[in-house]
Protein backbone atom coordinates (compact mmCIF):
# COMPACT_ATOMS: atom_id res chain seq x y z
CA UNK A 1 -39.30 69.59 50.59
CA UNK A 2 -35.85 69.87 49.26
CA UNK A 3 -33.01 68.38 51.33
CA UNK A 4 -31.36 70.69 53.84
CA UNK A 5 -28.28 70.74 51.67
CA UNK A 6 -30.17 72.21 48.72
CA UNK A 7 -30.35 75.92 48.09
CA UNK A 8 -32.84 78.01 46.19
CA UNK A 9 -32.65 78.17 42.43
CA UNK A 10 -31.44 74.60 41.99
CA UNK A 11 -28.20 75.19 43.79
CA UNK A 12 -26.69 73.03 46.47
CA UNK A 13 -23.68 73.15 48.68
CA UNK A 14 -20.46 71.46 47.60
CA UNK A 15 -20.87 68.86 50.29
CA UNK A 16 -23.93 67.51 48.57
CA UNK A 17 -22.08 67.09 45.17
CA UNK A 18 -19.57 64.46 44.18
CA UNK A 19 -16.39 66.39 43.61
CA UNK A 20 -15.06 64.63 40.54
CA UNK A 21 -16.88 62.04 38.48
CA UNK A 22 -14.62 59.20 37.36
CA UNK A 23 -14.81 58.01 33.78
CA UNK A 24 -12.85 54.95 32.61
CA UNK A 25 -15.15 53.51 30.00
CA UNK A 26 -17.31 54.54 27.06
CA UNK A 27 -20.51 54.03 29.01
CA UNK A 28 -19.35 56.22 31.85
CA UNK A 29 -18.23 58.92 29.39
CA UNK A 30 -21.57 58.92 27.50
CA UNK A 31 -23.43 59.22 30.82
CA UNK A 32 -21.18 62.18 31.81
CA UNK A 33 -22.01 64.06 28.55
CA UNK A 34 -25.66 64.09 29.45
CA UNK A 35 -25.07 66.32 32.48
CA UNK A 36 -26.61 69.78 32.27
CA UNK A 37 -24.23 72.65 32.72
CA UNK A 38 -20.46 73.07 32.25
CA UNK A 39 -18.30 69.96 32.71
CA UNK A 40 -14.60 70.51 33.36
CA UNK A 41 -12.78 67.22 32.62
CA UNK A 42 -9.19 66.40 33.73
CA UNK A 43 -8.16 64.21 30.79
CA UNK A 44 -5.29 61.91 31.60
CA UNK A 45 -3.53 58.64 30.50
CA UNK A 46 -3.21 55.71 32.83
CA UNK A 47 0.61 56.01 32.69
CA UNK A 48 0.50 59.63 33.81
CA UNK A 49 -2.49 59.92 36.16
CA UNK A 50 -4.80 62.89 36.84
CA UNK A 51 -3.54 66.28 38.04
CA UNK A 52 -3.88 65.89 41.80
CA UNK A 53 -2.00 69.17 42.49
CA UNK A 54 -4.97 71.18 41.20
CA UNK A 55 -7.63 69.48 43.36
CA UNK A 56 -7.69 72.23 46.03
CA UNK A 57 -7.84 74.94 43.40
CA UNK A 58 -10.83 73.26 41.75
CA UNK A 59 -12.57 72.93 45.12
CA UNK A 60 -12.07 76.59 45.77
CA UNK A 61 -13.57 77.58 42.41
CA UNK A 62 -16.53 75.25 43.13
CA UNK A 63 -17.13 76.95 46.47
CA UNK A 64 -16.91 80.42 44.85
CA UNK A 65 -19.44 79.53 42.12
CA UNK A 66 -21.61 77.39 44.36
CA UNK A 67 -23.85 76.01 41.62
CA UNK A 68 -24.66 72.40 40.91
CA UNK A 69 -24.47 73.05 37.20
CA UNK A 70 -20.69 73.17 37.42
CA UNK A 71 -19.38 69.55 37.17
CA UNK A 72 -15.83 68.20 37.56
CA UNK A 73 -14.68 64.88 36.12
CA UNK A 74 -11.52 62.86 35.55
CA UNK A 75 -11.46 60.84 32.33
CA UNK A 76 -8.91 58.18 31.39
CA UNK A 77 -8.00 58.24 27.72
CA UNK A 78 -7.17 54.56 27.36
CA UNK A 79 -10.67 53.16 26.84
CA UNK A 80 -12.59 56.26 25.55
CA UNK A 81 -12.31 56.55 21.78
CA UNK A 82 -13.13 60.33 21.65
CA UNK A 83 -10.05 61.02 23.94
CA UNK A 84 -7.47 58.85 22.22
CA UNK A 85 -5.67 61.86 20.73
CA UNK A 86 -4.70 62.97 24.20
CA UNK A 87 -3.08 59.62 25.10
CA UNK A 88 0.49 60.53 24.30
CA UNK A 89 0.83 63.63 26.51
CA UNK A 90 1.66 64.06 30.17
CA UNK A 91 0.84 67.78 30.46
CA UNK A 92 -2.36 68.45 32.42
CA UNK A 93 -5.20 68.86 29.97
CA UNK A 94 -8.67 70.31 30.78
CA UNK A 95 -11.53 69.63 28.44
CA UNK A 96 -14.62 71.82 28.78
CA UNK A 97 -17.97 70.27 27.84
CA UNK A 98 -21.21 72.22 27.31
CA UNK A 99 -24.43 70.69 25.97
CA UNK A 100 -22.67 67.34 25.61
CA UNK A 101 -20.07 68.84 23.18
CA UNK A 102 -16.52 70.05 23.63
CA UNK A 103 -16.26 73.83 23.80
CA UNK A 104 -12.79 74.52 25.01
CA UNK A 105 -9.40 72.83 25.67
CA UNK A 106 -6.90 74.25 28.16
CA UNK A 107 -3.42 72.85 28.93
CA UNK A 108 -1.18 73.46 31.88
CA UNK A 109 -1.48 74.48 35.52
CA UNK A 110 -1.56 78.24 35.21
CA UNK A 111 -3.91 78.83 38.17
CA UNK A 112 -5.11 82.40 37.33
CA UNK A 113 -5.86 81.46 33.72
CA UNK A 114 -7.65 78.24 34.59
CA UNK A 115 -9.68 79.94 37.28
CA UNK A 116 -10.69 82.75 34.97
CA UNK A 117 -11.49 80.37 32.15
CA UNK A 118 -13.72 78.09 34.29
CA UNK A 119 -15.68 81.09 35.64
CA UNK A 120 -16.07 82.74 32.20
CA UNK A 121 -17.07 79.52 30.46
CA UNK A 122 -19.56 78.67 33.22
CA UNK A 123 -21.25 82.04 32.91
CA UNK A 124 -21.38 81.58 29.11
CA UNK A 125 -22.93 78.11 29.55
CA UNK A 126 -25.66 79.55 31.77
CA UNK A 127 -26.49 82.06 29.01
CA UNK A 128 -26.63 79.17 26.52
CA UNK A 129 -28.97 77.25 28.75
CA UNK A 130 -31.25 80.29 28.97
CA UNK A 131 -31.17 80.69 25.19
CA UNK A 132 -29.35 83.95 25.31
CA UNK A 133 -26.09 82.80 23.71
CA UNK A 134 -24.76 80.06 21.45
CA UNK A 135 -21.97 77.58 22.33
CA UNK A 136 -18.68 77.81 20.57
CA UNK A 137 -18.25 74.14 19.64
CA UNK A 138 -14.83 72.74 18.80
CA UNK A 139 -13.79 69.46 17.20
CA UNK A 140 -11.55 67.32 19.40
CA UNK A 141 -10.32 65.66 16.25
CA UNK A 142 -8.63 68.97 15.37
CA UNK A 143 -6.80 69.03 18.70
CA UNK A 144 -3.31 67.66 18.68
CA UNK A 145 -0.91 67.13 21.52
CA UNK A 146 1.04 70.11 22.80
CA UNK A 147 4.25 68.56 21.63
CA UNK A 148 3.04 68.49 18.04
CA UNK A 149 1.82 72.05 18.30
CA UNK A 150 5.11 73.18 19.83
CA UNK A 151 7.06 71.46 17.04
CA UNK A 152 4.90 73.04 14.33
CA UNK A 153 5.37 76.50 15.87
CA UNK A 154 9.09 75.93 16.30
CA UNK A 155 9.29 75.07 12.59
CA UNK A 156 7.54 78.31 11.69
CA UNK A 157 9.95 80.20 14.03
CA UNK A 158 12.86 78.84 12.08
CA UNK A 159 11.48 80.55 9.04
CA UNK A 160 11.35 83.89 10.87
CA UNK A 161 14.90 83.39 12.15
CA UNK A 162 16.54 82.84 8.78
CA UNK A 163 16.47 86.52 7.79
CA UNK A 164 17.81 87.50 11.16
CA UNK A 165 20.71 85.02 10.81
CA UNK A 166 21.80 86.76 7.59
CA UNK A 167 22.61 89.90 9.57
CA UNK A 168 24.64 88.14 12.20
CA UNK A 169 28.06 88.29 10.56
CA UNK A 170 29.33 90.39 13.32
CA UNK A 171 28.73 87.57 15.82
CA UNK A 172 30.75 84.94 13.90
CA UNK A 173 33.93 85.64 15.86
CA UNK A 174 31.96 85.26 19.02
CA UNK A 175 30.58 81.93 17.89
CA UNK A 176 34.14 80.67 17.11
CA UNK A 177 35.27 81.55 20.56
CA UNK A 178 32.34 79.75 22.24
CA UNK A 179 33.37 76.78 24.29
CA UNK A 180 31.66 73.52 23.37
CA UNK A 181 31.63 72.71 27.02
CA UNK A 182 29.80 75.95 27.87
CA UNK A 183 27.35 75.37 24.98
CA UNK A 184 26.48 71.93 26.33
CA UNK A 185 26.25 73.23 29.93
CA UNK A 186 23.77 75.83 28.90
CA UNK A 187 21.45 73.50 26.97
CA UNK A 188 18.81 73.30 29.72
CA UNK A 189 19.11 76.99 30.51
CA UNK A 190 17.84 80.09 28.77
CA UNK A 191 17.29 83.80 29.57
CA UNK A 192 14.23 86.05 29.53
CA UNK A 193 14.51 89.81 29.43
CA UNK A 194 11.59 91.97 30.52
CA UNK A 195 11.92 95.44 29.00
CA UNK A 196 11.89 98.67 31.00
CA UNK A 197 8.38 99.87 30.12
CA UNK A 198 6.71 96.73 31.67
CA UNK A 199 8.38 96.92 35.07
CA UNK A 200 5.88 99.48 36.47
CA UNK A 201 2.80 97.80 35.11
CA UNK A 202 2.73 94.67 37.26
CA UNK A 203 3.41 92.57 34.22
CA UNK A 204 6.48 90.96 35.91
CA UNK A 205 4.25 89.00 38.31
CA UNK A 206 2.04 87.83 35.41
CA UNK A 207 5.14 86.71 33.44
CA UNK A 208 6.49 84.73 36.39
CA UNK A 209 3.01 82.99 36.68
CA UNK A 210 3.20 82.22 32.96
CA UNK A 211 6.58 80.51 33.44
CA UNK A 212 5.55 78.57 36.49
CA UNK A 213 5.56 74.85 36.07
CA UNK A 214 7.63 74.86 32.88
CA UNK A 215 10.65 76.93 33.92
CA UNK A 216 12.59 77.30 37.14
CA UNK A 217 14.06 80.72 37.85
CA UNK A 218 17.76 80.10 38.71
CA UNK A 219 18.71 83.71 39.09
CA UNK A 220 17.22 87.09 38.28
CA UNK A 221 18.42 90.66 38.51
CA UNK A 222 17.54 94.19 37.46
CA UNK A 223 20.18 96.06 35.48
CA UNK A 224 20.23 99.67 34.26
CA UNK A 225 20.88 99.75 30.49
CA UNK A 226 22.11 102.89 28.73
CA UNK A 227 21.75 103.42 24.93
CA UNK A 228 24.80 101.28 24.13
CA UNK A 229 23.62 98.46 26.36
CA UNK A 230 20.21 98.48 24.79
CA UNK A 231 21.58 98.36 21.28
CA UNK A 232 23.98 95.54 22.05
CA UNK A 233 21.44 93.44 23.88
CA UNK A 234 18.51 93.82 21.48
CA UNK A 235 20.77 94.35 18.43
CA UNK A 236 19.36 97.65 17.42
CA UNK A 237 21.64 99.16 14.76
CA UNK A 238 22.61 102.87 14.75
CA UNK A 239 21.58 103.15 11.09
CA UNK A 240 20.10 101.15 8.23
CA UNK A 241 20.26 101.56 4.45
CA UNK A 242 17.48 103.80 3.19
CA UNK A 243 15.18 101.48 1.27
CA UNK A 244 13.88 104.34 -0.86
CA UNK A 245 17.34 105.68 -1.85
CA UNK A 246 19.19 103.96 -4.73
CA UNK A 247 22.92 103.46 -4.48
CA UNK A 248 24.82 106.31 -6.10
CA UNK A 249 28.10 105.59 -7.85
CA UNK A 250 30.63 108.38 -7.75
CA UNK A 251 33.64 108.27 -9.99
CA UNK A 252 36.73 109.70 -8.40
CA UNK A 253 40.44 109.53 -9.48
CA UNK A 254 42.66 107.45 -7.25
CA UNK A 255 44.93 109.94 -5.46
CA UNK A 256 48.54 109.86 -6.49
CA UNK A 257 51.14 109.01 -3.83
CA UNK A 258 52.91 112.29 -4.59
CA UNK A 259 52.78 115.19 -6.99
CA UNK A 260 53.28 114.92 -10.75
CA UNK A 261 57.00 115.83 -10.47
CA UNK A 262 57.74 113.08 -7.98
CA UNK A 263 56.15 110.45 -10.28
CA UNK A 264 57.42 111.27 -13.79
CA UNK A 265 56.66 107.80 -15.14
CA UNK A 266 52.88 108.08 -14.36
CA UNK A 267 50.79 110.45 -16.47
CA UNK A 268 47.68 111.99 -14.94
CA UNK A 269 45.47 110.87 -17.84
CA UNK A 270 46.57 107.25 -17.21
CA UNK A 271 44.98 107.24 -13.76
CA UNK A 272 41.88 104.89 -13.89
CA UNK A 273 38.84 106.08 -12.00
CA UNK A 274 37.55 103.83 -9.26
CA UNK A 275 33.98 103.20 -8.26
CA UNK A 276 33.00 104.24 -4.82
CA UNK A 277 29.42 103.15 -4.01
CA UNK A 278 27.79 105.37 -1.43
CA UNK A 279 24.74 104.05 0.38
CA UNK A 280 22.54 106.57 2.06
CA UNK A 281 21.36 105.47 5.51
CA UNK A 282 18.70 106.52 7.85
CA UNK A 283 19.27 106.59 11.67
CA UNK A 284 17.52 104.11 13.87
CA UNK A 285 16.28 105.61 17.10
CA UNK A 286 15.79 103.55 20.21
CA UNK A 287 12.03 103.18 20.87
CA UNK A 288 10.85 104.77 24.15
CA UNK A 289 10.60 102.50 27.15
CA UNK A 290 13.84 100.51 26.67
CA UNK A 291 16.55 102.55 28.26
CA UNK A 292 16.72 102.23 32.05
CA UNK A 293 15.98 99.41 34.42
CA UNK A 294 15.64 96.05 32.68
CA UNK A 295 14.83 92.75 34.41
CA UNK A 296 16.70 89.61 33.37
CA UNK A 297 15.94 86.07 34.38
CA UNK A 298 18.10 83.00 34.04
CA UNK A 299 15.71 80.07 33.55
CA UNK A 300 15.99 76.29 33.57
CA UNK A 301 13.60 74.30 31.41
CA UNK A 302 12.31 71.73 33.91
CA UNK A 303 11.33 68.87 31.51
CA UNK A 304 14.51 69.22 29.47
CA UNK A 305 16.69 69.30 32.58
CA UNK A 306 15.09 66.10 33.88
CA UNK A 307 15.64 64.44 30.50
CA UNK A 308 19.37 65.36 30.49
CA UNK A 309 19.84 64.23 34.09
CA UNK A 310 18.43 60.83 33.05
CA UNK A 311 21.00 60.64 30.26
CA UNK A 312 18.43 61.20 27.53
CA UNK A 313 18.47 63.57 24.61
CA UNK A 314 15.68 65.14 22.51
CA UNK A 315 14.93 63.44 19.27
CA UNK A 316 17.34 64.48 16.53
CA UNK A 317 14.37 65.40 14.28
CA UNK A 318 12.73 67.58 16.98
CA UNK A 319 13.32 71.36 16.72
CA UNK A 320 13.07 71.52 20.53
CA UNK A 321 16.69 70.83 21.37
CA UNK A 322 17.53 73.39 24.01
CA UNK A 323 15.75 75.52 26.62
CA UNK A 324 15.86 78.44 24.14
CA UNK A 325 13.62 76.47 21.77
CA UNK A 326 11.04 75.85 24.56
CA UNK A 327 11.04 79.52 25.61
CA UNK A 328 10.67 80.77 22.02
CA UNK A 329 7.36 78.92 21.82
CA UNK A 330 6.06 80.71 24.93
CA UNK A 331 7.46 84.11 23.85
CA UNK A 332 6.20 83.77 20.28
CA UNK A 333 7.50 84.76 16.84
CA UNK A 334 10.18 87.41 16.43
CA UNK A 335 7.95 89.69 14.35
CA UNK A 336 5.24 91.51 16.33
CA UNK A 337 2.74 91.19 13.49
CA UNK A 338 3.51 87.49 13.13
CA UNK A 339 2.97 87.10 16.91
CA UNK A 340 -0.42 88.81 16.67
CA UNK A 341 -1.47 86.70 13.68
CA UNK A 342 -0.02 83.29 14.51
CA UNK A 343 0.38 83.28 18.31
CA UNK A 344 -2.07 85.78 19.82
CA UNK A 345 -1.63 84.30 23.33
CA UNK A 346 2.19 84.47 23.26
CA UNK A 347 4.06 86.85 25.54
CA UNK A 348 5.19 88.89 22.54
CA UNK A 349 1.62 89.38 21.37
CA UNK A 350 0.35 90.24 24.82
CA UNK A 351 3.11 92.58 25.98
CA UNK A 352 4.85 93.73 22.79
CA UNK A 353 4.48 97.03 20.98
CA UNK A 354 6.33 96.64 17.67
CA UNK A 355 9.84 96.31 16.20
CA UNK A 356 12.59 96.13 18.81
CA UNK A 357 9.91 96.36 21.53
CA UNK A 358 8.76 92.79 22.19
CA UNK A 359 8.16 93.57 25.86
CA UNK A 360 9.54 90.13 26.68
CA UNK A 361 12.74 89.15 24.88
CA UNK A 362 14.37 85.70 24.63
CA UNK A 363 17.44 84.46 22.72
CA UNK A 364 16.94 83.33 19.15
CA UNK A 365 20.48 81.90 18.80
CA UNK A 366 23.05 80.45 21.17
CA UNK A 367 25.19 83.60 20.78
CA UNK A 368 22.42 85.75 22.18
CA UNK A 369 22.13 83.56 25.29
CA UNK A 370 25.89 83.38 25.68
CA UNK A 371 26.12 87.17 25.55
CA UNK A 372 23.52 87.59 28.32
CA UNK A 373 24.77 84.85 30.57
CA UNK A 374 28.42 85.89 30.44
CA UNK A 375 27.74 89.56 30.88
CA UNK A 376 24.96 89.47 33.44
CA UNK A 377 25.39 86.11 35.24
CA UNK A 378 29.19 85.55 35.34
CA UNK A 379 29.14 83.84 38.71
CA UNK A 380 26.74 81.24 37.33
CA UNK A 381 29.07 80.50 34.42
CA UNK A 382 32.08 80.19 36.73
CA UNK A 383 30.23 77.78 39.05
CA UNK A 384 28.93 75.66 36.17
CA UNK A 385 32.39 75.28 34.59
CA UNK A 386 34.37 74.79 37.75
CA UNK A 387 34.82 71.07 38.46
CA UNK A 388 33.31 69.96 41.76
CA UNK A 389 35.93 69.54 44.52
CA UNK A 390 37.17 66.00 45.10
CA UNK A 391 35.17 64.39 47.93
CA UNK A 392 37.07 61.93 50.09
CA UNK A 393 40.64 60.82 50.41
CA UNK A 394 42.68 60.46 47.18
CA UNK A 395 43.89 56.92 46.46
CA UNK A 396 46.85 57.69 44.25
CA UNK A 397 49.56 60.33 43.86
CA UNK A 398 51.79 61.28 40.91
CA UNK A 399 55.26 62.77 41.39
CA UNK A 400 57.00 64.59 38.49
CA UNK A 401 60.71 65.56 38.67
CA UNK A 402 63.72 66.11 36.48
CA UNK A 403 65.07 62.91 34.84
CA UNK A 404 68.55 63.67 36.25
CA UNK A 405 67.18 63.23 39.76
CA UNK A 406 65.68 59.78 38.98
CA UNK A 407 68.49 57.60 40.54
CA UNK A 408 68.43 59.59 43.80
CA UNK A 409 64.64 59.49 43.99
CA UNK A 410 64.42 55.80 43.22
CA UNK A 411 67.07 55.09 45.93
CA UNK A 412 64.95 57.03 48.43
CA UNK A 413 61.85 55.13 47.43
CA UNK A 414 63.45 51.67 47.54
CA UNK A 415 61.74 50.76 50.75
CA UNK A 416 58.33 51.52 49.09
CA UNK A 417 58.89 49.71 45.80
CA UNK A 418 55.85 47.54 46.32
CA UNK A 419 53.69 50.68 46.50
CA UNK A 420 54.81 52.15 43.13
CA UNK A 421 52.24 51.14 40.48
CA UNK A 422 54.05 52.58 37.44
CA UNK A 423 56.91 54.81 36.38
CA UNK A 424 58.12 56.20 33.06
CA UNK A 425 59.48 59.24 31.22
CA UNK A 426 57.71 61.94 29.30
CA UNK A 427 58.32 65.31 27.61
CA UNK A 428 56.44 68.30 28.97
CA UNK A 429 55.33 71.14 26.67
CA UNK A 430 55.97 74.75 27.79
CA UNK A 431 52.26 75.46 28.42
CA UNK A 432 51.99 72.44 30.71
CA UNK A 433 55.06 73.51 32.60
CA UNK A 434 53.62 76.96 33.18
CA UNK A 435 50.33 75.50 34.25
CA UNK A 436 52.06 73.33 36.82
CA UNK A 437 53.99 76.25 38.18
CA UNK A 438 50.86 78.40 38.45
CA UNK A 439 49.30 75.82 40.66
CA UNK A 440 51.97 76.55 43.25
CA UNK A 441 50.84 80.23 43.35
CA UNK A 442 54.44 81.52 43.08
CA UNK A 443 55.56 84.88 41.84
CA UNK A 444 57.39 84.56 38.51
CA UNK A 445 60.21 86.68 39.91
CA UNK A 446 60.75 84.49 42.98
CA UNK A 447 63.73 82.18 43.33
CA UNK A 448 61.35 79.23 44.06
CA UNK A 449 59.60 79.78 40.73
CA UNK A 450 62.89 79.85 38.80
CA UNK A 451 64.20 76.81 40.58
CA UNK A 452 61.07 74.78 39.82
CA UNK A 453 61.21 75.97 36.21
CA UNK A 454 64.74 74.69 35.89
CA UNK A 455 63.83 71.38 37.44
CA UNK A 456 60.84 70.51 35.25
CA UNK A 457 61.73 72.21 31.96
CA UNK A 458 64.23 69.60 30.91
CA UNK A 459 63.69 67.13 28.05
CA UNK A 460 63.36 64.01 30.20
CA UNK A 461 61.23 63.59 33.33
CA UNK A 462 60.57 60.62 35.55
CA UNK A 463 56.97 59.93 36.59
CA UNK A 464 56.21 57.74 39.60
């Protein structure tokens, strides 16, 4: 008779099954591969440890399936040759084993995706065991770390961005105005725009789930974009040169500044024709589903932010330098066709429709991010650039006054000579003078403002 914990059909309750089999050696690994059914392995390095945060999720899945042919294991990469290629990564990695061979690799902690994948792969493995399907074997040797994959995709994205950069001449002035301080402040931050047509589909919740664990949502808001706003944000031109229409050159005489009588020294037949190239254009309509409510998120790249807080910087050779680079990998290539072909699981491929309609938009250059942050999150910019208020009691004070007043001031400070650390003279520039006066919050027409201007606008000043 089977034990009380056993159920019909070879199934048994979760209490009768070891939850996760531990593998730290080659012999333990080989023994694990002989298990019948689907094995989901949490692959980890000793310096990182297994993904403990997913334990309760895995238990719940095990209860739902309730079949002893679903196995869980944790495998340390250090001493298992087949898993060495996973040794340099800290991201949770799940290796699916069927028939003793790897059939799937999943990275990350996206709960809905991992749950769906375990259940679908388990059902497929049951069909394979029954001889009704074939396993989709993969080679672990072909699997590289997520970092290498990300860098490879980022390099390909650079190729797609070159053509777009050539059309960005109108943004050059904006780039020149950009503050270096603002640029550095925004390095760990990026923005994600969810276009209008996705807001009523429930996709926003799915997109938030996709970002979870890699990005923190600092702020988010829904704005109503009109035609002008849509064109400015997504850079949709009003018209483009007609690719099927050649340039026509029309010869026209340069108009004279007056009539023939008023310019007797210039003969009409001496006027040289000028070339006026005329390029025919075709209007560019805004695709449906863009005008109206648009959801915008201000995101912080968690890993990059931690790195910067620790005083570290990304490698100079890495294309992943800012949060924009990290988000571009998740969103996918700029071209919809490229996204479908090269990154079918990217947000662009999943939610996009075509040109100018990516569904989910992210900045491809710093200027794009700067435009969104300044226009839609101005309070965030102000808070980030405003120095933190001084905490505690100040230790020193500086007094600035007209040099002509120096003898009188020194006489008054004679009893405190031992407390004066330094004194000297300096020349103040007009902009500095105005800045000092503005700190007093005085009206420029007031007598107090004029008096202070006279006092500190001289050539010599004494500094205590």
